Amino acid sequence: MSDGPEWFAPKRFGYGSGLPIAWQGWVLLIGFLVLTLAAALLLANQPVALIAVLAPATILLMIVCARTTRGGWHWRSGSDD
């Protein structure tokens, strides 16, 4: 469907991305998890700063996932698309 990279598999049911299918997707996902854990540990007593770090990171992750999911994001009901 798209000519761009395909780093994530589509979910079988619902809307969004499934697990990574390329090393780039795994690096992105692990990097996001490390950032989330580090921010949670370092900013545990500063909830506004924690949200200020995690909100843009989550939005960026969602944008990259949406653009690199095989077949794009759309509602799936389990049947082969």
N, C-alpha and C. Protein backbone atom coordinates (compact mmCIF):
# COMPACT_ATOMS: atom_id res chain seq x y z
N MET A 1 0.81 -1.19 0.00
CA MET A 1 0.00 0.00 0.00
C MET A 1 0.85 1.25 0.00
N SER A 2 1.87 1.29 0.85
CA SER A 2 2.73 2.46 0.88
C SER A 2 4.10 2.11 0.34
N ASP A 3 4.81 3.12 -0.11
CA ASP A 3 6.16 2.92 -0.63
C ASP A 3 7.21 3.15 0.45
N GLY A 4 6.76 3.55 1.64
CA GLY A 4 7.68 3.85 2.73
C GLY A 4 8.12 2.61 3.46
N PRO A 5 8.90 2.81 4.51
CA PRO A 5 9.39 1.67 5.29
C PRO A 5 8.25 0.98 6.04
N GLU A 6 8.43 -0.29 6.30
CA GLU A 6 7.46 -1.06 7.07
C GLU A 6 8.18 -1.63 8.28
N TRP A 7 7.99 -0.98 9.43
CA TRP A 7 8.67 -1.39 10.65
C TRP A 7 7.75 -2.14 11.59
N PHE A 8 6.43 -1.97 11.43
CA PHE A 8 5.47 -2.57 12.35
C PHE A 8 4.42 -3.35 11.58
N ALA A 9 3.97 -4.44 12.18
CA ALA A 9 2.86 -5.21 11.62
C ALA A 9 1.55 -4.56 12.07
N PRO A 10 0.52 -4.68 11.26
CA PRO A 10 -0.77 -4.16 11.71
C PRO A 10 -1.38 -5.07 12.77
N LYS A 11 -2.21 -4.49 13.62
CA LYS A 11 -2.95 -5.31 14.58
C LYS A 11 -3.97 -6.14 13.83
N ARG A 12 -4.27 -7.32 14.32
CA ARG A 12 -5.28 -8.16 13.67
C ARG A 12 -6.69 -7.66 13.98
N PHE A 13 -6.89 -7.19 15.19
CA PHE A 13 -8.18 -6.64 15.61
C PHE A 13 -7.97 -5.22 16.11
N GLY A 14 -8.81 -4.31 15.67
CA GLY A 14 -8.74 -2.95 16.18
C GLY A 14 -7.98 -2.02 15.26
N TYR A 15 -7.44 -0.96 15.88
CA TYR A 15 -6.83 0.14 15.16
C TYR A 15 -5.42 0.34 15.68
N GLY A 16 -4.44 0.42 14.81
CA GLY A 16 -3.09 0.73 15.26
C GLY A 16 -2.06 -0.29 14.82
N SER A 17 -0.92 -0.23 15.48
CA SER A 17 0.22 -1.09 15.14
C SER A 17 0.32 -2.25 16.10
N GLY A 18 0.87 -3.33 15.57
CA GLY A 18 1.20 -4.47 16.40
C GLY A 18 2.67 -4.43 16.75
N LEU A 19 3.27 -5.60 16.85
CA LEU A 19 4.69 -5.68 17.19
C LEU A 19 5.57 -5.28 16.01
N PRO A 20 6.79 -4.86 16.30
CA PRO A 20 7.74 -4.53 15.23
C PRO A 20 8.07 -5.75 14.37
N ILE A 21 8.30 -5.51 13.09
CA ILE A 21 8.70 -6.58 12.17
C ILE A 21 10.07 -6.31 11.56
N ALA A 22 10.68 -5.19 11.92
CA ALA A 22 12.01 -4.83 11.42
C ALA A 22 12.85 -4.36 12.60
N TRP A 23 14.15 -4.42 12.45
CA TRP A 23 15.04 -4.01 13.54
C TRP A 23 14.83 -2.55 13.90
N GLN A 24 14.50 -1.71 12.93
CA GLN A 24 14.28 -0.30 13.21
C GLN A 24 13.10 -0.10 14.17
N GLY A 25 12.06 -0.90 14.00
CA GLY A 25 10.91 -0.83 14.88
C GLY A 25 11.26 -1.26 16.30
N TRP A 26 12.07 -2.30 16.41
CA TRP A 26 12.50 -2.75 17.74
C TRP A 26 13.36 -1.69 18.42
N VAL A 27 14.26 -1.07 17.67
CA VAL A 27 15.10 -0.01 18.25
C VAL A 27 14.23 1.15 18.71
N LEU A 28 13.26 1.54 17.91
CA LEU A 28 12.36 2.62 18.28
C LEU A 28 11.57 2.27 19.54
N LEU A 29 11.01 1.09 19.60
CA LEU A 29 10.21 0.67 20.74
C LEU A 29 11.05 0.57 22.01
N ILE A 30 12.22 -0.04 21.93
CA ILE A 30 13.09 -0.17 23.10
C ILE A 30 13.58 1.21 23.55
N GLY A 31 13.91 2.08 22.60
CA GLY A 31 14.32 3.44 22.95
C GLY A 31 13.22 4.20 23.67
N PHE A 32 11.99 4.03 23.22
CA PHE A 32 10.86 4.68 23.88
C PHE A 32 10.68 4.13 25.29
N LEU A 33 10.82 2.83 25.46
CA LEU A 33 10.67 2.23 26.78
C LEU A 33 11.78 2.68 27.73
N VAL A 34 13.00 2.80 27.23
CA VAL A 34 14.12 3.29 28.05
C VAL A 34 13.87 4.74 28.45
N LEU A 35 13.44 5.56 27.50
CA LEU A 35 13.12 6.96 27.80
C LEU A 35 12.02 7.06 28.85
N THR A 36 10.99 6.24 28.72
CA THR A 36 9.88 6.26 29.67
C THR A 36 10.35 5.86 31.06
N LEU A 37 11.13 4.81 31.15
CA LEU A 37 11.63 4.36 32.45
C LEU A 37 12.56 5.40 33.07
N ALA A 38 13.48 5.94 32.28
CA ALA A 38 14.41 6.95 32.80
C ALA A 38 13.66 8.19 33.27
N ALA A 39 12.69 8.64 32.48
CA ALA A 39 11.92 9.82 32.88
C ALA A 39 11.13 9.55 34.15
N ALA A 40 10.56 8.36 34.26
CA ALA A 40 9.78 8.02 35.45
C ALA A 40 10.66 7.99 36.70
N LEU A 41 11.88 7.48 36.55
CA LEU A 41 12.79 7.41 37.70
C LEU A 41 13.35 8.78 38.07
N LEU A 42 13.73 9.56 37.06
CA LEU A 42 14.36 10.85 37.33
C LEU A 42 13.36 11.94 37.70
N LEU A 43 12.14 11.84 37.21
CA LEU A 43 11.15 12.89 37.41
C LEU A 43 9.97 12.42 38.26
N ALA A 44 10.22 11.47 39.13
CA ALA A 44 9.14 10.88 39.93
C ALA A 44 8.43 11.91 40.80
N ASN A 45 9.15 12.90 41.29
CA ASN A 45 8.55 13.92 42.16
C ASN A 45 8.16 15.19 41.42
N GLN A 46 8.22 15.15 40.09
CA GLN A 46 7.90 16.32 39.28
C GLN A 46 6.91 15.90 38.18
N PRO A 47 5.63 15.76 38.53
CA PRO A 47 4.67 15.23 37.55
C PRO A 47 4.49 16.11 36.31
N VAL A 48 4.60 17.41 36.45
CA VAL A 48 4.45 18.29 35.28
C VAL A 48 5.61 18.08 34.31
N ALA A 49 6.81 17.98 34.83
CA ALA A 49 7.98 17.73 33.98
C ALA A 49 7.89 16.35 33.33
N LEU A 50 7.40 15.37 34.08
CA LEU A 50 7.24 14.02 33.53
C LEU A 50 6.28 14.02 32.35
N ILE A 51 5.16 14.69 32.51
CA ILE A 51 4.20 14.80 31.41
C ILE A 51 4.78 15.59 30.25
N ALA A 52 5.55 16.63 30.55
CA ALA A 52 6.17 17.43 29.50
C ALA A 52 7.17 16.63 28.67
N VAL A 53 7.76 15.59 29.26
CA VAL A 53 8.70 14.73 28.52
C VAL A 53 7.95 13.61 27.80
N LEU A 54 7.01 12.97 28.50
CA LEU A 54 6.37 11.78 27.95
C LEU A 54 5.30 12.08 26.90
N ALA A 55 4.59 13.17 27.02
CA ALA A 55 3.53 13.47 26.04
C ALA A 55 4.10 13.65 24.63
N PRO A 56 5.11 14.51 24.43
CA PRO A 56 5.66 14.63 23.06
C PRO A 56 6.30 13.34 22.56
N ALA A 57 6.96 12.60 23.46
CA ALA A 57 7.59 11.35 23.05
C ALA A 57 6.54 10.33 22.60
N THR A 58 5.42 10.28 23.30
CA THR A 58 4.34 9.36 22.92
C THR A 58 3.72 9.76 21.61
N ILE A 59 3.48 11.05 21.42
CA ILE A 59 2.90 11.53 20.16
C ILE A 59 3.84 11.23 19.00
N LEU A 60 5.13 11.47 19.19
CA LEU A 60 6.12 11.17 18.15
C LEU A 60 6.14 9.68 17.83
N LEU A 61 6.10 8.84 18.87
CA LEU A 61 6.06 7.39 18.65
C LEU A 61 4.84 6.99 17.84
N MET A 62 3.69 7.55 18.17
CA MET A 62 2.45 7.22 17.44
C MET A 62 2.54 7.65 15.98
N ILE A 63 3.11 8.80 15.71
CA ILE A 63 3.25 9.28 14.33
C ILE A 63 4.16 8.35 13.53
N VAL A 64 5.30 8.00 14.12
CA VAL A 64 6.23 7.10 13.41
C VAL A 64 5.59 5.73 13.20
N CYS A 65 4.91 5.22 14.21
CA CYS A 65 4.25 3.92 14.07
C CYS A 65 3.18 3.96 12.98
N ALA A 66 2.40 5.02 12.95
CA ALA A 66 1.35 5.13 11.94
C ALA A 66 1.92 5.18 10.53
N ARG A 67 3.04 5.84 10.37
CA ARG A 67 3.64 5.98 9.03
C ARG A 67 4.43 4.75 8.59
N THR A 68 4.79 3.89 9.55
CA THR A 68 5.62 2.74 9.18
C THR A 68 4.93 1.41 9.43
N THR A 69 3.62 1.41 9.63
CA THR A 69 2.87 0.17 9.78
C THR A 69 2.48 -0.35 8.41
N ARG A 70 2.73 -1.63 8.17
CA ARG A 70 2.38 -2.25 6.89
C ARG A 70 0.87 -2.12 6.65
N GLY A 71 0.48 -1.45 5.58
CA GLY A 71 -0.93 -1.27 5.26
C GLY A 71 -1.57 -0.07 5.92
N GLY A 72 -0.83 0.63 6.76
CA GLY A 72 -1.37 1.81 7.42
C GLY A 72 -2.28 1.47 8.58
N TRP A 73 -2.75 2.50 9.24
CA TRP A 73 -3.68 2.34 10.36
C TRP A 73 -5.10 2.44 9.86
N HIS A 74 -5.87 1.44 10.09
CA HIS A 74 -7.32 1.49 9.89
C HIS A 74 -7.93 0.37 10.69
N TRP A 75 -9.24 0.40 10.87
CA TRP A 75 -9.93 -0.58 11.70
C TRP A 75 -9.84 -1.95 11.05
N ARG A 76 -9.46 -2.94 11.85
CA ARG A 76 -9.39 -4.33 11.37
C ARG A 76 -10.27 -5.20 12.26
N SER A 77 -10.98 -6.11 11.63
CA SER A 77 -11.91 -6.95 12.37
C SER A 77 -11.50 -8.42 12.37
N GLY A 78 -10.24 -8.70 12.06
CA GLY A 78 -9.75 -10.06 12.12
C GLY A 78 -9.70 -10.77 10.79
N SER A 79 -10.43 -10.31 9.81
CA SER A 79 -10.39 -10.94 8.50
C SER A 79 -9.16 -10.44 7.75
N ASP A 80 -8.74 -11.21 6.77
CA ASP A 80 -7.59 -10.78 5.98
C ASP A 80 -7.98 -9.58 5.13
N ASP A 81 -7.18 -8.52 5.25
CA ASP A 81 -7.45 -7.28 4.49
C ASP A 81 -6.77 -7.32 3.15
